[in-house]
N, C-alpha and C. Protein backbone atom coordinates (compact mmCIF):
# COMPACT_ATOMS: atom_id res chain seq x y z
N MET A 1 -2.33 -54.35 19.35
CA MET A 1 -3.48 -53.62 19.58
C MET A 1 -4.75 -54.21 18.65
N PHE A 2 -4.47 -54.85 17.91
CA PHE A 2 -5.70 -55.30 16.98
C PHE A 2 -5.56 -56.96 16.86
N SER A 3 -6.84 -57.50 16.85
CA SER A 3 -6.66 -59.09 16.60
C SER A 3 -6.61 -59.60 15.34
N GLU A 4 -6.06 -60.52 15.09
CA GLU A 4 -6.01 -61.16 13.76
C GLU A 4 -7.31 -61.08 12.96
N GLU A 5 -8.32 -61.47 13.65
CA GLU A 5 -9.74 -61.39 13.16
C GLU A 5 -10.11 -60.07 12.75
N GLU A 6 -9.75 -58.97 13.47
CA GLU A 6 -9.92 -57.56 13.00
C GLU A 6 -9.35 -57.16 11.95
N THR A 7 -8.22 -57.65 11.68
CA THR A 7 -7.48 -57.24 10.46
C THR A 7 -7.69 -58.23 9.06
N ARG A 8 -8.41 -59.33 9.38
CA ARG A 8 -8.53 -60.29 8.14
C ARG A 8 -9.15 -59.64 7.00
N ASN A 9 -10.06 -58.89 7.01
CA ASN A 9 -10.66 -58.37 5.79
C ASN A 9 -10.57 -56.74 5.77
N GLU A 10 -9.77 -56.23 6.27
CA GLU A 10 -9.59 -54.82 6.25
C GLU A 10 -9.40 -54.28 4.98
N THR A 11 -9.81 -52.97 4.78
CA THR A 11 -9.80 -52.57 3.39
C THR A 11 -8.25 -51.65 3.42
N LYS A 12 -8.00 -51.15 2.26
CA LYS A 12 -6.80 -50.50 2.25
C LYS A 12 -6.57 -49.15 3.55
N GLY A 13 -7.76 -48.56 3.30
CA GLY A 13 -8.11 -47.32 4.16
C GLY A 13 -7.94 -47.77 5.89
N GLU A 14 -8.34 -48.91 6.04
CA GLU A 14 -8.30 -49.63 7.32
C GLU A 14 -7.02 -49.94 7.84
N TRP A 15 -6.30 -50.31 6.78
CA TRP A 15 -4.90 -50.65 6.89
C TRP A 15 -3.95 -49.41 7.42
N TYR A 16 -4.22 -48.34 6.70
CA TYR A 16 -3.62 -47.09 6.96
C TYR A 16 -4.02 -46.60 8.36
N VAL A 17 -5.16 -46.76 8.92
CA VAL A 17 -5.49 -46.43 10.14
C VAL A 17 -4.85 -46.96 11.12
N ARG A 18 -4.84 -48.37 10.85
CA ARG A 18 -4.14 -49.46 11.91
C ARG A 18 -2.60 -48.91 12.06
N GLN A 19 -2.14 -48.78 10.80
CA GLN A 19 -0.54 -48.20 11.06
C GLN A 19 -0.48 -47.00 11.94
N LEU A 20 -1.38 -46.08 11.63
CA LEU A 20 -1.48 -44.75 12.32
C LEU A 20 -1.55 -45.07 13.79
N LEU A 21 -2.64 -45.77 14.14
CA LEU A 21 -2.71 -45.97 15.62
C LEU A 21 -1.95 -46.87 16.36
N GLY A 22 -1.12 -47.68 15.69
CA GLY A 22 -0.20 -48.66 16.03
C GLY A 22 1.26 -48.07 16.31
N SER A 23 1.32 -46.68 15.86
CA SER A 23 2.65 -46.25 15.86
C SER A 23 2.80 -44.83 16.57
N CYS A 24 3.96 -44.42 17.02
CA CYS A 24 4.16 -43.09 17.57
C CYS A 24 5.28 -42.53 17.37
N ASN A 25 5.29 -41.24 17.38
CA ASN A 25 6.57 -40.53 16.97
C ASN A 25 7.28 -39.83 18.20
N ILE A 26 8.54 -39.53 18.10
CA ILE A 26 9.32 -38.94 19.20
C ILE A 26 9.71 -37.54 18.85
N GLN A 27 9.20 -36.69 19.78
CA GLN A 27 9.47 -35.20 19.33
C GLN A 27 10.94 -34.86 19.41
N GLY A 28 11.77 -34.03 18.64
CA GLY A 28 12.93 -33.83 19.07
C GLY A 28 13.42 -32.61 17.90
N SER A 29 14.75 -32.28 18.23
CA SER A 29 15.44 -31.25 17.19
C SER A 29 15.63 -32.11 15.96
N LYS A 30 16.18 -31.17 14.89
CA LYS A 30 16.44 -31.72 13.75
C LYS A 30 17.81 -32.61 13.98
N TRP A 31 18.62 -32.25 14.92
CA TRP A 31 19.78 -33.13 15.05
C TRP A 31 19.28 -34.45 15.80
N PHE A 32 18.28 -34.46 16.71
CA PHE A 32 17.82 -35.62 17.40
C PHE A 32 17.23 -36.68 16.23
N HIS A 33 16.59 -36.08 15.43
CA HIS A 33 16.19 -36.70 14.17
C HIS A 33 17.15 -37.64 13.38
N ILE A 34 18.02 -36.65 12.99
CA ILE A 34 19.27 -37.07 12.41
C ILE A 34 20.04 -38.28 13.08
N LEU A 35 20.44 -37.91 14.20
CA LEU A 35 21.14 -39.01 14.90
C LEU A 35 20.42 -40.22 15.24
N SER A 36 19.10 -40.14 15.43
CA SER A 36 18.30 -41.43 15.61
C SER A 36 18.11 -42.15 14.27
N GLY A 37 18.68 -41.63 13.14
CA GLY A 37 18.30 -42.23 11.75
C GLY A 37 16.98 -42.09 11.37
N ASN A 38 16.31 -41.02 12.07
CA ASN A 38 14.88 -40.57 11.54
C ASN A 38 13.96 -41.74 12.21
N LEU A 39 14.29 -42.60 13.23
CA LEU A 39 13.49 -43.45 13.87
C LEU A 39 12.39 -42.72 14.66
N SER A 40 12.55 -41.54 14.88
CA SER A 40 11.69 -40.95 15.55
C SER A 40 10.46 -40.57 14.98
N HIS A 41 10.49 -40.85 13.62
CA HIS A 41 9.11 -40.82 12.74
C HIS A 41 8.66 -42.15 12.28
N GLN A 42 8.30 -42.85 13.39
CA GLN A 42 7.56 -44.20 13.31
C GLN A 42 6.39 -44.18 12.49
N ILE A 43 5.36 -43.24 12.67
CA ILE A 43 4.17 -42.99 12.11
C ILE A 43 4.43 -43.13 10.46
N GLU A 44 5.18 -42.17 10.05
CA GLU A 44 5.32 -42.08 8.74
C GLU A 44 6.12 -43.29 8.07
N HIS A 45 7.02 -43.99 8.89
CA HIS A 45 7.65 -45.13 8.41
C HIS A 45 6.75 -46.20 8.20
N HIS A 46 5.79 -46.29 9.19
CA HIS A 46 4.79 -47.41 9.14
C HIS A 46 3.64 -47.29 7.94
N LEU A 47 3.45 -45.84 7.69
CA LEU A 47 2.70 -45.69 6.69
C LEU A 47 3.15 -45.71 5.24
N PHE A 48 4.24 -45.33 5.15
CA PHE A 48 5.28 -45.14 3.86
C PHE A 48 6.56 -46.02 4.03
N PRO A 49 6.53 -47.15 4.20
CA PRO A 49 8.05 -47.73 4.33
C PRO A 49 9.01 -47.91 3.26
N ASP A 50 8.50 -47.48 2.02
CA ASP A 50 9.49 -47.47 1.03
C ASP A 50 10.16 -46.09 0.71
N ILE A 51 9.58 -45.19 1.53
CA ILE A 51 10.17 -43.59 1.45
C ILE A 51 11.54 -43.58 2.13
N PRO A 52 12.55 -42.90 1.52
CA PRO A 52 13.86 -42.77 2.32
C PRO A 52 13.59 -41.87 3.59
N ALA A 53 14.10 -42.50 4.50
CA ALA A 53 13.97 -41.91 6.12
C ALA A 53 14.16 -40.19 5.95
N ASN A 54 15.02 -39.81 5.11
CA ASN A 54 15.26 -38.29 5.24
C ASN A 54 14.19 -37.35 4.75
N ARG A 55 13.01 -38.09 4.41
CA ARG A 55 11.70 -37.52 3.81
C ARG A 55 10.73 -37.36 4.95
N TYR A 56 10.89 -38.29 5.94
CA TYR A 56 9.96 -38.41 6.87
C TYR A 56 9.37 -37.03 7.51
N ALA A 57 10.40 -36.14 7.89
CA ALA A 57 10.04 -34.93 8.49
C ALA A 57 9.15 -34.13 7.64
N GLU A 58 9.41 -34.13 6.33
CA GLU A 58 8.61 -33.27 5.28
C GLU A 58 7.11 -34.06 5.10
N ILE A 59 7.04 -35.32 5.14
CA ILE A 59 5.82 -35.91 5.03
C ILE A 59 5.03 -35.84 6.24
N ALA A 60 5.51 -35.78 7.44
CA ALA A 60 4.97 -35.74 8.69
C ALA A 60 4.14 -34.51 8.86
N VAL A 61 4.31 -33.22 8.26
CA VAL A 61 3.50 -32.25 8.18
C VAL A 61 2.02 -32.68 7.45
N GLU A 62 2.16 -33.35 6.42
CA GLU A 62 1.12 -33.51 5.57
C GLU A 62 0.04 -34.71 6.37
N VAL A 63 0.78 -35.61 6.91
CA VAL A 63 0.11 -36.71 7.69
C VAL A 63 -0.62 -36.04 8.84
N ARG A 64 -0.04 -35.16 9.61
CA ARG A 64 -0.56 -34.51 10.71
C ARG A 64 -1.82 -33.74 10.21
N ALA A 65 -1.69 -33.07 9.15
CA ALA A 65 -2.78 -32.25 8.70
C ALA A 65 -3.92 -33.26 8.26
N LEU A 66 -3.88 -34.42 7.73
CA LEU A 66 -4.68 -35.39 7.54
C LEU A 66 -5.43 -35.95 8.57
N CYS A 67 -4.75 -36.19 9.70
CA CYS A 67 -5.26 -36.46 11.06
C CYS A 67 -6.23 -35.63 11.22
N VAL A 68 -5.83 -34.23 11.50
CA VAL A 68 -6.65 -33.22 11.86
C VAL A 68 -7.95 -33.03 11.03
N LYS A 69 -7.75 -33.28 9.74
CA LYS A 69 -8.99 -33.28 9.10
C LYS A 69 -9.93 -34.24 9.14
N TYR A 70 -9.50 -35.57 9.51
CA TYR A 70 -10.10 -36.70 9.63
C TYR A 70 -10.70 -37.11 11.09
N ASN A 71 -10.14 -36.11 11.96
CA ASN A 71 -9.97 -36.47 13.50
C ASN A 71 -9.63 -37.66 13.88
N LEU A 72 -8.44 -38.00 13.38
CA LEU A 72 -7.54 -39.22 14.06
C LEU A 72 -6.42 -38.82 14.79
N PRO A 73 -6.00 -39.49 15.66
CA PRO A 73 -5.02 -39.18 16.72
C PRO A 73 -3.59 -39.26 15.85
N TYR A 74 -2.71 -38.20 16.23
CA TYR A 74 -1.30 -38.39 15.75
C TYR A 74 -0.44 -38.41 16.88
N ASN A 75 0.03 -39.62 17.39
CA ASN A 75 0.58 -39.87 18.56
C ASN A 75 1.94 -39.37 18.56
N THR A 76 2.43 -38.40 19.05
CA THR A 76 3.72 -37.77 19.33
C THR A 76 4.20 -37.26 20.64
N GLY A 77 5.23 -37.36 21.08
CA GLY A 77 5.68 -36.92 22.50
C GLY A 77 7.08 -37.04 22.64
N SER A 78 7.53 -36.61 23.66
CA SER A 78 9.00 -36.81 24.31
C SER A 78 9.28 -38.23 24.32
N LEU A 79 10.63 -38.34 24.17
CA LEU A 79 11.24 -39.86 24.47
C LEU A 79 10.85 -40.30 25.70
N ILE A 80 10.80 -39.55 26.73
CA ILE A 80 10.50 -40.16 28.09
C ILE A 80 8.86 -40.62 27.97
N ARG A 81 8.11 -39.74 27.34
CA ARG A 81 6.72 -40.03 27.39
C ARG A 81 6.43 -41.03 26.73
N GLN A 82 6.99 -41.26 25.37
CA GLN A 82 6.67 -42.46 24.49
C GLN A 82 7.24 -43.62 25.33
N PHE A 83 8.36 -43.61 25.81
CA PHE A 83 8.94 -44.74 26.34
C PHE A 83 8.13 -45.34 27.59
N SER A 84 7.67 -44.30 28.57
CA SER A 84 6.75 -44.70 29.59
C SER A 84 5.62 -45.37 29.09
N THR A 85 5.05 -44.94 28.04
CA THR A 85 3.77 -45.44 27.39
C THR A 85 3.99 -46.88 26.96
N VAL A 86 5.24 -47.09 26.47
CA VAL A 86 5.46 -48.68 25.97
C VAL A 86 5.61 -49.28 27.04
N ILE A 87 6.28 -48.95 28.10
CA ILE A 87 6.49 -49.74 29.38
C ILE A 87 5.34 -50.28 29.96
N MET A 88 4.39 -49.11 30.21
CA MET A 88 3.12 -49.40 30.73
C MET A 88 2.29 -50.37 29.89
N ARG A 89 2.06 -50.19 28.64
CA ARG A 89 1.48 -51.15 27.73
C ARG A 89 2.17 -52.55 27.93
N ILE A 90 3.21 -52.76 28.10
CA ILE A 90 3.85 -53.97 28.07
C ILE A 90 3.24 -54.56 29.64
N LEU A 91 3.32 -53.85 30.57
CA LEU A 91 3.02 -54.18 31.90
C LEU A 91 1.53 -54.70 31.82
N ARG A 92 0.64 -53.83 31.30
CA ARG A 92 -0.77 -53.99 31.29
C ARG A 92 -0.92 -55.22 30.54
N MET A 93 -0.24 -55.70 29.25
CA MET A 93 -0.58 -56.63 28.57
C MET A 93 -0.08 -57.88 28.98
N SER A 94 0.86 -57.81 30.18
CA SER A 94 1.46 -59.32 30.62
C SER A 94 0.55 -59.63 31.95
N LEU A 95 -0.49 -58.92 32.18
CA LEU A 95 -1.30 -59.49 33.30
C LEU A 95 -2.19 -60.31 32.94
N PRO A 96 -2.53 -61.46 33.66
CA PRO A 96 -3.46 -62.50 33.30
C PRO A 96 -4.85 -62.23 32.93
N GLY A 97 -5.18 -62.50 31.83
CA GLY A 97 -6.72 -62.35 31.48
C GLY A 97 -6.62 -61.09 30.73
N LYS A 98 -5.57 -60.38 30.19
CA LYS A 98 -5.35 -59.31 29.39
C LYS A 98 -5.02 -59.89 27.93
N SER A 99 -5.85 -59.79 26.96
CA SER A 99 -5.28 -60.23 25.70
C SER A 99 -4.56 -59.04 25.00
N GLY A 100 -4.58 -57.73 25.58
CA GLY A 100 -3.86 -56.82 24.80
C GLY A 100 -4.42 -56.19 23.41
N THR A 101 -5.24 -57.04 22.96
CA THR A 101 -6.14 -56.29 21.62
C THR A 101 -7.38 -55.65 21.73
N ARG A 102 -7.40 -54.62 21.15
CA ARG A 102 -8.64 -53.89 21.07
C ARG A 102 -8.50 -52.93 20.14
N ASN A 103 -9.67 -52.36 19.49
CA ASN A 103 -9.57 -51.34 18.61
C ASN A 103 -9.80 -49.85 19.12
N PRO A 104 -8.90 -49.15 19.39
CA PRO A 104 -9.11 -47.77 19.92
C PRO A 104 -9.98 -46.96 19.18
N VAL A 105 -10.08 -47.15 17.84
CA VAL A 105 -11.18 -46.36 16.94
C VAL A 105 -12.54 -46.63 17.50
N ALA A 106 -12.95 -48.06 17.80
CA ALA A 106 -14.03 -48.39 18.29
C ALA A 106 -14.44 -48.08 19.45
N ALA A 107 -13.52 -47.88 20.35
CA ALA A 107 -13.78 -47.66 21.88
C ALA A 107 -14.30 -46.16 22.14
């Protein structure tokens, strides 16, 4: 989503925004999260990779509140929705002449 040039001199805050924009969560029940090894909380994993996975659901509440406060997207949806989004992105980026890099915040 971001070119190497766009990330070259990024601040710590810009790094966090990039992690947020480049990740998505999958909605599901508590058992869904447990059985997926909490991989359904990719946003929190990318923001805080050193935190144990069993804490992601707790942190997700705070991350979502910060997104609302600063008008940032918190990309979450069903497994089918998120999977289809990934497939569409792969297809779009595989077309000739598409670099696949852009900054969605600047758009």
